[in-house]
């Protein structure tokens, strides 16, 4: 899995459809309909959705 933000090829797999990029602290998630969702991991551990182009 390559990070769509920074291009890092060494992302970690969190579950079947969730990945994590330790380079830019982004969680990458594919919905059941294969739609891409991105979440920025903030310093306090919360997540903030990153808008993606449809």
C-alpha atoms as a PDB file:
ATOM      1  CA  UNK A   1       0.000   0.000   0.000  1.00  0.00           C
ATOM      2  CA  UNK A   2       1.403   3.391  -1.019  1.00  0.00           C
ATOM      3  CA  UNK A   3       0.395   6.517   0.899  1.00  0.00           C
ATOM      4  CA  UNK A   4      -1.666   8.804  -1.361  1.00  0.00           C
ATOM      5  CA  UNK A   5      -0.300  11.879   0.454  1.00  0.00           C
ATOM      6  CA  UNK A   6       3.490  11.421   0.570  1.00  0.00           C
ATOM      7  CA  UNK A   7       4.075   8.317  -1.573  1.00  0.00           C
ATOM      8  CA  UNK A   8       5.588   6.278   1.292  1.00  0.00           C
ATOM      9  CA  UNK A   9       5.574   2.605   0.251  1.00  0.00           C
ATOM     10  CA  UNK A  10       6.086   1.290   3.791  1.00  0.00           C
ATOM     11  CA  UNK A  11       2.665   1.866   5.320  1.00  0.00           C
ATOM     12  CA  UNK A  12       1.454  -0.288   8.184  1.00  0.00           C
ATOM     13  CA  UNK A  13      -1.685  -2.390   7.981  1.00  0.00           C
ATOM     14  CA  UNK A  14      -4.121  -1.814  10.867  1.00  0.00           C
ATOM     15  CA  UNK A  15      -6.906  -4.077   9.603  1.00  0.00           C
ATOM     16  CA  UNK A  16      -8.306  -5.481   6.364  1.00  0.00           C
ATOM     17  CA  UNK A  17      -9.162  -2.030   4.991  1.00  0.00           C
ATOM     18  CA  UNK A  18      -7.161   0.373   7.220  1.00  0.00           C
ATOM     19  CA  UNK A  19      -3.552   1.443   6.789  1.00  0.00           C
ATOM     20  CA  UNK A  20      -1.275   3.920   8.570  1.00  0.00           C
ATOM     21  CA  UNK A  21       1.513   6.072   7.163  1.00  0.00           C
ATOM     22  CA  UNK A  22       4.125   6.841   9.825  1.00  0.00           C
ATOM     23  CA  UNK A  23       5.754   9.348   7.491  1.00  0.00           C
ATOM     24  CA  UNK A  24       2.871  11.854   7.442  1.00  0.00           C
ATOM     25  CA  UNK A  25       0.687  10.431  10.281  1.00  0.00           C
ATOM     26  CA  UNK A  26      -2.295   9.649   8.094  1.00  0.00           C
ATOM     27  CA  UNK A  27      -4.765   6.795   8.471  1.00  0.00           C
ATOM     28  CA  UNK A  28      -5.949   5.459   5.109  1.00  0.00           C
ATOM     29  CA  UNK A  29      -9.322   3.717   5.023  1.00  0.00           C
ATOM     30  CA  UNK A  30     -11.238   2.046   2.205  1.00  0.00           C
ATOM     31  CA  UNK A  31     -15.014   1.742   2.709  1.00  0.00           C
ATOM     32  CA  UNK A  32     -17.030  -1.283   1.610  1.00  0.00           C
ATOM     33  CA  UNK A  33     -17.695   0.534  -1.661  1.00  0.00           C
ATOM     34  CA  UNK A  34     -13.902   0.988  -2.116  1.00  0.00           C
ATOM     35  CA  UNK A  35     -14.091   4.719  -1.477  1.00  0.00           C
ATOM     36  CA  UNK A  36     -10.907   6.264  -0.092  1.00  0.00           C
ATOM     37  CA  UNK A  37     -11.091   8.139   3.218  1.00  0.00           C
ATOM     38  CA  UNK A  38      -8.116   9.853   4.840  1.00  0.00           C
ATOM     39  CA  UNK A  39      -7.723  10.894   8.471  1.00  0.00           C
ATOM     40  CA  UNK A  40      -4.930  13.029   9.940  1.00  0.00           C
ATOM     41  CA  UNK A  41      -3.753  11.756  13.339  1.00  0.00           C
ATOM     42  CA  UNK A  42      -3.384  14.767  15.632  1.00  0.00           C
ATOM     43  CA  UNK A  43      -0.920  15.146  18.531  1.00  0.00           C
ATOM     44  CA  UNK A  44      -3.567  14.278  21.136  1.00  0.00           C
ATOM     45  CA  UNK A  45      -4.467  11.061  19.310  1.00  0.00           C
ATOM     46  CA  UNK A  46      -7.722  12.256  17.788  1.00  0.00           C
ATOM     47  CA  UNK A  47      -8.398  12.073  14.071  1.00  0.00           C
ATOM     48  CA  UNK A  48      -9.495  14.759  11.635  1.00  0.00           C
ATOM     49  CA  UNK A  49     -10.950  13.872   8.231  1.00  0.00           C
ATOM     50  CA  UNK A  50      -8.989  15.032   5.201  1.00  0.00           C
ATOM     51  CA  UNK A  51     -11.217  15.887   2.220  1.00  0.00           C
ATOM     52  CA  UNK A  52     -10.600  13.709  -0.843  1.00  0.00           C
ATOM     53  CA  UNK A  53     -11.612  14.364  -4.416  1.00  0.00           C
ATOM     54  CA  UNK A  54     -14.631  12.321  -5.486  1.00  0.00           C
END
